[in-house]
Amino acid sequence: MGILDLFRLDGKVALVTGAGRGLGQAMALGLAEAGADIACLYREHYQETQAQVQALGKKFLPVQCDLLHATVSDLCDVVDHVVRHMGSLDILVNNAAITRRATVMEFNERDWDDVLQVDLKALFFLSQAAARVMAQQGHGKIIHVASVLAFQGGLLIPAYTAAKSAVAGLTRAMAVEWASKGINVNAIAPGYMRTDMTAPLQKDPQRNESIMSRIPAGRWGEPADLKGIVVFLASAASDYMHGTIVPVDGGWLAW
């Protein structure tokens, strides 16, 4: 087997949360381009992702779930639904996230609970349900989307920073427990990417200039910049990687 064959995902099933747009959509397409069939967990829209995945000749399963209100039982049902309709679950990409903006002194309890529910609690229990299936199979890849804010503070997003820091910790904790079961758990830490979530920053001339001046690569990241790393972490090429958080940030953390 040649080295490039290790990156192929033919016959694999990937569940990607928040795959209807932005980073999740790009990663789902990257996985499909590498050969995987895609289950898309979405809240409102999935049709554009579906059309692009199916144009690649891969299977596509839309799974509607609002993570803000999802119970642990709901998340177990998501995994059961994917396995029942797709035959297996080989890859889980925990991408879906929300944020709320306010200073630390003004941040309210409702916004704190909402962010931690979507960005941390749902990620944990969806991973738990997926890992039970993967442990029975004897293999699986779980990829969390953390953030460069897992390594540093961030202005006006204390709950998001707390959640993403916790995601980095969970990546290591899950990896330690599940490596012996054939499950790889790793995380991607994107820098400042062009998405709907960062639109307010892009539109603010002062904040945009400040961010751009801090990125050695000299540009915002694009969702497609995550395709390579997600395929690598989902493939056999990364079989000896456990508990790693990989920045994809244009050099932000190296500054």
C-alpha atoms as a PDB file:
ATOM      1  CA  MET A   1       0.000   0.000   0.000  1.00  0.00           C
ATOM      2  CA  GLY A   2       1.367   3.379  -1.001  1.00  0.00           C
ATOM      3  CA  ILE A   3       1.396   6.327   1.381  1.00  0.00           C
ATOM      4  CA  LEU A   4      -1.449   8.136  -0.396  1.00  0.00           C
ATOM      5  CA  ASP A   5      -3.635   5.044  -0.016  1.00  0.00           C
ATOM      6  CA  LEU A   6      -3.511   5.535   3.753  1.00  0.00           C
ATOM      7  CA  PHE A   7      -5.473   8.754   3.325  1.00  0.00           C
ATOM      8  CA  ARG A   8      -8.366   7.079   1.481  1.00  0.00           C
ATOM      9  CA  LEU A   9     -11.683   6.816   3.314  1.00  0.00           C
ATOM     10  CA  ASP A  10     -13.575   4.553   0.928  1.00  0.00           C
ATOM     11  CA  GLY A  11     -16.304   2.603   2.709  1.00  0.00           C
ATOM     12  CA  LYS A  12     -16.136   4.791   5.833  1.00  0.00           C
ATOM     13  CA  VAL A  13     -19.108   6.636   7.332  1.00  0.00           C
ATOM     14  CA  ALA A  14     -18.528  10.086   8.823  1.00  0.00           C
ATOM     15  CA  LEU A  15     -20.947  12.019  11.014  1.00  0.00           C
ATOM     16  CA  VAL A  16     -20.192  15.743  10.899  1.00  0.00           C
ATOM     17  CA  THR A  17     -22.076  18.133  13.162  1.00  0.00           C
ATOM     18  CA  GLY A  18     -22.929  21.535  11.764  1.00  0.00           C
ATOM     19  CA  ALA A  19     -22.133  20.321   8.254  1.00  0.00           C
ATOM     20  CA  GLY A  20     -24.784  22.445   6.590  1.00  0.00           C
ATOM     21  CA  ARG A  21     -22.458  25.419   6.200  1.00  0.00           C
ATOM     22  CA  GLY A  22     -19.077  26.929   7.013  1.00  0.00           C
ATOM     23  CA  LEU A  23     -16.287  24.832   8.490  1.00  0.00           C
ATOM     24  CA  GLY A  24     -18.503  21.775   8.896  1.00  0.00           C
ATOM     25  CA  GLN A  25     -19.556  21.842   5.272  1.00  0.00           C
ATOM     26  CA  ALA A  26     -15.964  22.147   4.066  1.00  0.00           C
ATOM     27  CA  MET A  27     -14.794  19.278   6.262  1.00  0.00           C
ATOM     28  CA  ALA A  28     -17.706  17.081   5.176  1.00  0.00           C
ATOM     29  CA  LEU A  29     -16.799  17.722   1.545  1.00  0.00           C
ATOM     30  CA  GLY A  30     -13.148  16.968   2.224  1.00  0.00           C
ATOM     31  CA  LEU A  31     -14.072  13.648   3.796  1.00  0.00           C
ATOM     32  CA  ALA A  32     -16.389  12.834   0.880  1.00  0.00           C
ATOM     33  CA  GLU A  33     -13.651  13.704  -1.622  1.00  0.00           C
ATOM     34  CA  ALA A  34     -11.458  11.188   0.186  1.00  0.00           C
ATOM     35  CA  GLY A  35     -14.171   8.538  -0.210  1.00  0.00           C
ATOM     36  CA  ALA A  36     -16.359   8.709   2.902  1.00  0.00           C
ATOM     37  CA  ASP A  37     -20.138   8.672   3.005  1.00  0.00           C
ATOM     38  CA  ILE A  38     -21.533  11.571   5.022  1.00  0.00           C
ATOM     39  CA  ALA A  39     -24.154  11.916   7.742  1.00  0.00           C
ATOM     40  CA  CYS A  40     -24.850  15.612   8.305  1.00  0.00           C
ATOM     41  CA  LEU A  41     -26.183  16.730  11.672  1.00  0.00           C
ATOM     42  CA  TYR A  42     -27.924  20.022  10.991  1.00  0.00           C
ATOM     43  CA  ARG A  43     -30.330  22.452  12.630  1.00  0.00           C
ATOM     44  CA  GLU A  44     -31.859  24.232   9.637  1.00  0.00           C
ATOM     45  CA  HIS A  45     -30.104  23.728   6.285  1.00  0.00           C
ATOM     46  CA  TYR A  46     -28.347  20.803   4.630  1.00  0.00           C
ATOM     47  CA  GLN A  47     -29.399  20.834   0.959  1.00  0.00           C
ATOM     48  CA  GLU A  48     -26.303  22.569  -0.414  1.00  0.00           C
ATOM     49  CA  THR A  49     -23.989  20.139   1.356  1.00  0.00           C
ATOM     50  CA  GLN A  50     -26.121  17.209   0.209  1.00  0.00           C
ATOM     51  CA  ALA A  51     -25.912  18.272  -3.438  1.00  0.00           C
ATOM     52  CA  GLN A  52     -22.139  18.603  -3.316  1.00  0.00           C
ATOM     53  CA  VAL A  53     -21.597  15.297  -1.501  1.00  0.00           C
ATOM     54  CA  GLN A  54     -23.901  13.397  -3.844  1.00  0.00           C
ATOM     55  CA  ALA A  55     -22.189  15.008  -6.860  1.00  0.00           C
ATOM     56  CA  LEU A  56     -19.068  13.189  -5.669  1.00  0.00           C
ATOM     57  CA  GLY A  57     -20.982   9.906  -5.826  1.00  0.00           C
ATOM     58  CA  LYS A  58     -21.131   9.455  -2.059  1.00  0.00           C
ATOM     59  CA  LYS A  59     -24.095   8.655   0.187  1.00  0.00           C
ATOM     60  CA  PHE A  60     -25.608  11.466   2.256  1.00  0.00           C
ATOM     61  CA  LEU A  61     -27.848  11.236   5.314  1.00  0.00           C
ATOM     62  CA  PRO A  62     -29.374  14.399   6.803  1.00  0.00           C
ATOM     63  CA  VAL A  63     -29.962  14.172  10.558  1.00  0.00           C
ATOM     64  CA  GLN A  64     -31.844  17.069  12.130  1.00  0.00           C
ATOM     65  CA  CYS A  65     -30.954  17.906  15.717  1.00  0.00           C
ATOM     66  CA  ASP A  66     -30.876  21.203  17.577  1.00  0.00           C
ATOM     67  CA  LEU A  67     -27.925  20.764  19.917  1.00  0.00           C
ATOM     68  CA  LEU A  68     -29.047  23.714  22.031  1.00  0.00           C
ATOM     69  CA  HIS A  69     -32.004  21.656  23.244  1.00  0.00           C
ATOM     70  CA  ALA A  70     -30.737  18.106  22.671  1.00  0.00           C
ATOM     71  CA  THR A  71     -30.850  15.680  25.588  1.00  0.00           C
ATOM     72  CA  VAL A  72     -28.390  12.860  26.136  1.00  0.00           C
ATOM     73  CA  SER A  73     -31.086  10.488  24.862  1.00  0.00           C
ATOM     74  CA  ASP A  74     -31.455  12.590  21.709  1.00  0.00           C
ATOM     75  CA  LEU A  75     -27.719  12.328  21.017  1.00  0.00           C
ATOM     76  CA  CYS A  76     -27.776   8.558  21.503  1.00  0.00           C
ATOM     77  CA  ASP A  77     -30.674   8.437  19.043  1.00  0.00           C
ATOM     78  CA  VAL A  78     -28.594  10.384  16.489  1.00  0.00           C
ATOM     79  CA  VAL A  79     -25.841   7.777  16.622  1.00  0.00           C
ATOM     80  CA  ASP A  80     -28.330   4.897  16.458  1.00  0.00           C
ATOM     81  CA  HIS A  81     -30.026   6.541  13.454  1.00  0.00           C
ATOM     82  CA  VAL A  82     -26.733   6.884  11.583  1.00  0.00           C
ATOM     83  CA  VAL A  83     -25.702   3.289  12.253  1.00  0.00           C
ATOM     84  CA  ARG A  84     -29.131   1.979  11.305  1.00  0.00           C
ATOM     85  CA  HIS A  85     -29.269   3.854   7.997  1.00  0.00           C
ATOM     86  CA  MET A  86     -25.582   3.915   7.025  1.00  0.00           C
ATOM     87  CA  GLY A  87     -24.426   0.573   8.437  1.00  0.00           C
ATOM     88  CA  SER A  88     -21.646   1.870  10.690  1.00  0.00           C
ATOM     89  CA  LEU A  89     -20.088   4.955  12.217  1.00  0.00           C
ATOM     90  CA  ASP A  90     -16.356   5.236  11.628  1.00  0.00           C
ATOM     91  CA  ILE A  91     -15.681   8.967  11.981  1.00  0.00           C
ATOM     92  CA  LEU A  92     -17.241  11.647  14.178  1.00  0.00           C
ATOM     93  CA  VAL A  93     -16.384  15.312  13.620  1.00  0.00           C
ATOM     94  CA  ASN A  94     -17.674  17.504  16.464  1.00  0.00           C
ATOM     95  CA  ASN A  95     -17.766  20.829  14.660  1.00  0.00           C
ATOM     96  CA  ALA A  96     -21.041  22.551  15.647  1.00  0.00           C
ATOM     97  CA  ALA A  97     -20.615  25.500  17.988  1.00  0.00           C
ATOM     98  CA  ILE A  98     -22.184  28.788  18.994  1.00  0.00           C
ATOM     99  CA  THR A  99     -20.915  31.870  20.767  1.00  0.00           C
ATOM    100  CA  ARG A 100     -22.294  34.841  22.661  1.00  0.00           C
ATOM    101  CA  ARG A 101     -20.465  38.167  22.921  1.00  0.00           C
ATOM    102  CA  ALA A 102     -20.177  40.235  26.104  1.00  0.00           C
ATOM    103  CA  THR A 103     -17.504  41.275  28.574  1.00  0.00           C
ATOM    104  CA  VAL A 104     -16.700  38.909  31.418  1.00  0.00           C
ATOM    105  CA  MET A 105     -18.336  41.300  33.885  1.00  0.00           C
ATOM    106  CA  GLU A 106     -21.548  41.514  31.843  1.00  0.00           C
ATOM    107  CA  PHE A 107     -21.866  37.906  30.658  1.00  0.00           C
ATOM    108  CA  ASN A 108     -25.204  36.419  31.766  1.00  0.00           C
ATOM    109  CA  GLU A 109     -26.129  32.945  32.950  1.00  0.00           C
ATOM    110  CA  ARG A 110     -28.424  32.105  30.029  1.00  0.00           C
ATOM    111  CA  ASP A 111     -25.733  32.809  27.447  1.00  0.00           C
ATOM    112  CA  TRP A 112     -23.181  30.876  29.504  1.00  0.00           C
ATOM    113  CA  ASP A 113     -25.474  27.831  29.699  1.00  0.00           C
ATOM    114  CA  ASP A 114     -26.328  27.979  25.969  1.00  0.00           C
ATOM    115  CA  VAL A 115     -22.698  28.068  24.859  1.00  0.00           C
ATOM    116  CA  LEU A 116     -21.613  25.296  27.217  1.00  0.00           C
ATOM    117  CA  GLN A 117     -24.593  23.162  26.158  1.00  0.00           C
ATOM    118  CA  VAL A 118     -23.741  23.253  22.443  1.00  0.00           C
ATOM    119  CA  ASP A 119     -19.963  23.585  22.515  1.00  0.00           C
ATOM    120  CA  LEU A 120     -19.161  21.201  25.355  1.00  0.00           C
ATOM    121  CA  LYS A 121     -22.004  19.112  26.789  1.00  0.00           C
ATOM    122  CA  ALA A 122     -23.410  17.994  23.416  1.00  0.00           C
ATOM    123  CA  LEU A 123     -19.889  17.268  22.178  1.00  0.00           C
ATOM    124  CA  PHE A 124     -19.170  15.104  25.214  1.00  0.00           C
ATOM    125  CA  PHE A 125     -22.302  12.987  25.106  1.00  0.00           C
ATOM    126  CA  LEU A 126     -22.322  12.606  21.320  1.00  0.00           C
ATOM    127  CA  SER A 127     -18.722  11.402  21.551  1.00  0.00           C
ATOM    128  CA  GLN A 128     -19.692   9.008  24.326  1.00  0.00           C
ATOM    129  CA  ALA A 129     -22.474   7.492  22.231  1.00  0.00           C
ATOM    130  CA  ALA A 130     -20.240   7.237  19.165  1.00  0.00           C
ATOM    131  CA  ALA A 131     -17.396   5.674  21.156  1.00  0.00           C
ATOM    132  CA  ARG A 132     -19.656   2.871  22.360  1.00  0.00           C
ATOM    133  CA  VAL A 133     -20.304   1.920  18.731  1.00  0.00           C
ATOM    134  CA  MET A 134     -16.665   2.355  17.739  1.00  0.00           C
ATOM    135  CA  ALA A 135     -15.440   0.241  20.659  1.00  0.00           C
ATOM    136  CA  GLN A 136     -17.635  -2.632  19.492  1.00  0.00           C
ATOM    137  CA  GLN A 137     -16.252  -2.226  15.961  1.00  0.00           C
ATOM    138  CA  GLY A 138     -12.701  -2.087  17.282  1.00  0.00           C
ATOM    139  CA  HIS A 139     -11.906   1.150  15.464  1.00  0.00           C
ATOM    140  CA  GLY A 140     -13.009   4.758  15.091  1.00  0.00           C
ATOM    141  CA  LYS A 141     -11.860   8.334  14.687  1.00  0.00           C
ATOM    142  CA  ILE A 142     -13.250  11.186  16.789  1.00  0.00           C
ATOM    143  CA  ILE A 143     -12.193  14.684  15.780  1.00  0.00           C
ATOM    144  CA  HIS A 144     -13.139  17.670  17.892  1.00  0.00           C
ATOM    145  CA  VAL A 145     -13.015  21.218  16.577  1.00  0.00           C
ATOM    146  CA  ALA A 146     -11.396  23.248  19.325  1.00  0.00           C
ATOM    147  CA  SER A 147      -9.917  26.709  18.701  1.00  0.00           C
ATOM    148  CA  VAL A 148      -6.738  28.724  19.136  1.00  0.00           C
ATOM    149  CA  LEU A 149      -8.652  30.037  22.151  1.00  0.00           C
ATOM    150  CA  ALA A 150      -7.966  26.677  23.779  1.00  0.00           C
ATOM    151  CA  PHE A 151      -4.440  28.103  24.189  1.00  0.00           C
ATOM    152  CA  GLN A 152      -5.163  31.756  24.969  1.00  0.00           C
ATOM    153  CA  GLY A 153      -7.867  34.162  26.059  1.00  0.00           C
ATOM    154  CA  GLY A 154     -10.277  35.943  23.728  1.00  0.00           C
ATOM    155  CA  LEU A 155     -12.049  39.284  23.825  1.00  0.00           C
ATOM    156  CA  LEU A 156     -15.777  39.266  24.641  1.00  0.00           C
ATOM    157  CA  ILE A 157     -16.245  35.484  24.384  1.00  0.00           C
ATOM    158  CA  PRO A 158     -15.549  34.034  27.852  1.00  0.00           C
ATOM    159  CA  ALA A 159     -17.956  31.089  27.565  1.00  0.00           C
ATOM    160  CA  TYR A 160     -16.634  30.112  24.128  1.00  0.00           C
ATOM    161  CA  THR A 161     -13.058  30.329  25.405  1.00  0.00           C
ATOM    162  CA  ALA A 162     -13.937  28.206  28.430  1.00  0.00           C
ATOM    163  CA  ALA A 163     -15.711  25.616  26.287  1.00  0.00           C
ATOM    164  CA  LYS A 164     -12.923  25.324  23.730  1.00  0.00           C
ATOM    165  CA  SER A 165     -10.310  25.042  26.482  1.00  0.00           C
ATOM    166  CA  ALA A 166     -12.382  22.227  27.959  1.00  0.00           C
ATOM    167  CA  VAL A 167     -12.632  20.559  24.539  1.00  0.00           C
ATOM    168  CA  ALA A 168      -8.840  20.434  24.422  1.00  0.00           C
ATOM    169  CA  GLY A 169      -8.811  18.790  27.856  1.00  0.00           C
ATOM    170  CA  LEU A 170     -11.501  16.304  26.855  1.00  0.00           C
ATOM    171  CA  THR A 171      -9.518  15.424  23.737  1.00  0.00           C
ATOM    172  CA  ARG A 172      -6.671  14.256  25.936  1.00  0.00           C
ATOM    173  CA  ALA A 173      -8.917  12.546  28.499  1.00  0.00           C
ATOM    174  CA  MET A 174     -10.866  10.619  25.850  1.00  0.00           C
ATOM    175  CA  ALA A 175      -7.674   9.672  24.012  1.00  0.00           C
ATOM    176  CA  VAL A 176      -6.130   8.189  27.131  1.00  0.00           C
ATOM    177  CA  GLU A 177      -9.191   6.035  27.851  1.00  0.00           C
ATOM    178  CA  TRP A 178     -10.055   5.003  24.306  1.00  0.00           C
ATOM    179  CA  ALA A 179      -6.722   4.486  22.536  1.00  0.00           C
ATOM    180  CA  SER A 180      -6.617   0.865  23.694  1.00  0.00           C
ATOM    181  CA  LYS A 181     -10.055   0.330  22.127  1.00  0.00           C
ATOM    182  CA  GLY A 182      -8.828   1.345  18.674  1.00  0.00           C
ATOM    183  CA  ILE A 183     -10.368   4.822  18.862  1.00  0.00           C
ATOM    184  CA  ASN A 184      -8.277   7.861  17.970  1.00  0.00           C
ATOM    185  CA  VAL A 185      -9.373  11.139  19.552  1.00  0.00           C
ATOM    186  CA  ASN A 186      -7.710  14.316  18.309  1.00  0.00           C
ATOM    187  CA  ALA A 187      -8.702  17.939  17.788  1.00  0.00           C
ATOM    188  CA  ILE A 188      -8.266  20.711  15.264  1.00  0.00           C
ATOM    189  CA  ALA A 189      -7.710  24.223  16.586  1.00  0.00           C
ATOM    190  CA  PRO A 190      -8.692  26.677  13.831  1.00  0.00           C
ATOM    191  CA  GLY A 191      -7.518  30.244  13.957  1.00  0.00           C
ATOM    192  CA  TYR A 192      -9.552  33.153  12.621  1.00  0.00           C
ATOM    193  CA  MET A 193     -11.648  31.694   9.795  1.00  0.00           C
ATOM    194  CA  ARG A 194     -14.138  33.332   7.431  1.00  0.00           C
ATOM    195  CA  THR A 195     -17.465  32.040   8.763  1.00  0.00           C
ATOM    196  CA  ASP A 196     -20.812  33.445   9.831  1.00  0.00           C
ATOM    197  CA  MET A 197     -19.606  33.337  13.441  1.00  0.00           C
ATOM    198  CA  THR A 198     -16.715  35.702  12.733  1.00  0.00           C
ATOM    199  CA  ALA A 199     -18.696  38.003  10.416  1.00  0.00           C
ATOM    200  CA  PRO A 200     -19.010  40.746  13.095  1.00  0.00           C
ATOM    201  CA  LEU A 201     -15.217  40.815  13.436  1.00  0.00           C
ATOM    202  CA  GLN A 202     -14.668  40.926   9.692  1.00  0.00           C
ATOM    203  CA  LYS A 203     -17.102  43.846   9.360  1.00  0.00           C
ATOM    204  CA  ASP A 204     -15.479  45.855  12.159  1.00  0.00           C
ATOM    205  CA  PRO A 205     -12.624  47.775  10.464  1.00  0.00           C
ATOM    206  CA  GLN A 206     -10.615  48.183  13.667  1.00  0.00           C
ATOM    207  CA  ARG A 207     -10.939  44.558  14.822  1.00  0.00           C
ATOM    208  CA  ASN A 208     -10.358  43.214  11.303  1.00  0.00           C
ATOM    209  CA  GLU A 209      -7.160  45.240  10.936  1.00  0.00           C
ATOM    210  CA  SER A 210      -5.989  44.161  14.391  1.00  0.00           C
ATOM    211  CA  ILE A 211      -6.581  40.483  13.605  1.00  0.00           C
ATOM    212  CA  MET A 212      -5.010  40.646  10.159  1.00  0.00           C
ATOM    213  CA  SER A 213      -1.881  42.307  11.531  1.00  0.00           C
ATOM    214  CA  ARG A 214      -1.504  39.396  13.969  1.00  0.00           C
ATOM    215  CA  ILE A 215      -1.699  36.578  11.369  1.00  0.00           C
ATOM    216  CA  PRO A 216       1.720  35.812   9.835  1.00  0.00           C
ATOM    217  CA  ALA A 217       0.086  34.280   6.756  1.00  0.00           C
ATOM    218  CA  GLY A 218      -1.536  37.655   6.097  1.00  0.00           C
ATOM    219  CA  ARG A 219      -5.106  36.449   5.574  1.00  0.00           C
ATOM    220  CA  TRP A 220      -8.146  35.013   7.281  1.00  0.00           C
ATOM    221  CA  GLY A 221      -8.465  31.248   7.041  1.00  0.00           C
ATOM    222  CA  GLU A 222     -10.989  29.772   4.637  1.00  0.00           C
ATOM    223  CA  PRO A 223     -13.178  26.757   5.509  1.00  0.00           C
ATOM    224  CA  ALA A 224     -11.409  24.723   2.804  1.00  0.00           C
ATOM    225  CA  ASP A 225      -8.145  25.153   4.747  1.00  0.00           C
ATOM    226  CA  LEU A 226      -9.426  22.453   7.136  1.00  0.00           C
ATOM    227  CA  LYS A 227      -9.988  19.781   4.483  1.00  0.00           C
ATOM    228  CA  GLY A 228      -6.461  18.385   4.600  1.00  0.00           C
ATOM    229  CA  ILE A 229      -6.165  18.081   8.363  1.00  0.00           C
ATOM    230  CA  VAL A 230      -9.605  16.524   8.850  1.00  0.00           C
ATOM    231  CA  VAL A 231      -8.904  13.886   6.176  1.00  0.00           C
ATOM    232  CA  PHE A 232      -5.541  13.135   7.792  1.00  0.00           C
ATOM    233  CA  LEU A 233      -7.031  12.744  11.277  1.00  0.00           C
ATOM    234  CA  ALA A 234      -9.892  10.619   9.920  1.00  0.00           C
ATOM    235  CA  SER A 235      -7.616   8.301   7.969  1.00  0.00           C
ATOM    236  CA  ALA A 236      -5.209   5.445   8.668  1.00  0.00           C
ATOM    237  CA  ALA A 237      -2.346   7.896   8.129  1.00  0.00           C
ATOM    238  CA  SER A 238      -2.930   9.190  11.682  1.00  0.00           C
ATOM    239  CA  ASP A 239      -3.407   5.844  13.422  1.00  0.00           C
ATOM    240  CA  TYR A 240      -0.651   6.550  15.967  1.00  0.00           C
ATOM    241  CA  MET A 241      -1.936  10.017  16.882  1.00  0.00           C
ATOM    242  CA  HIS A 242      -3.896  10.245  20.134  1.00  0.00           C
ATOM    243  CA  GLY A 243      -4.826  13.305  22.175  1.00  0.00           C
ATOM    244  CA  THR A 244      -3.256  15.898  19.892  1.00  0.00           C
ATOM    245  CA  ILE A 245      -4.631  19.397  19.290  1.00  0.00           C
ATOM    246  CA  VAL A 246      -3.478  20.620  15.871  1.00  0.00           C
ATOM    247  CA  PRO A 247      -3.588  24.382  15.185  1.00  0.00           C
ATOM    248  CA  VAL A 248      -4.555  25.489  11.678  1.00  0.00           C
ATOM    249  CA  ASP A 249      -4.177  29.207  12.189  1.00  0.00           C
ATOM    250  CA  GLY A 250      -1.952  30.863   9.611  1.00  0.00           C
ATOM    251  CA  GLY A 251       0.805  31.061  12.223  1.00  0.00           C
ATOM    252  CA  TRP A 252      -1.308  32.914  14.819  1.00  0.00           C
ATOM    253  CA  LEU A 253       0.022  30.911  17.786  1.00  0.00           C
ATOM    254  CA  ALA A 254       3.607  31.039  16.534  1.00  0.00           C
ATOM    255  CA  TRP A 255       3.664  34.867  16.688  1.00  0.00           C
END
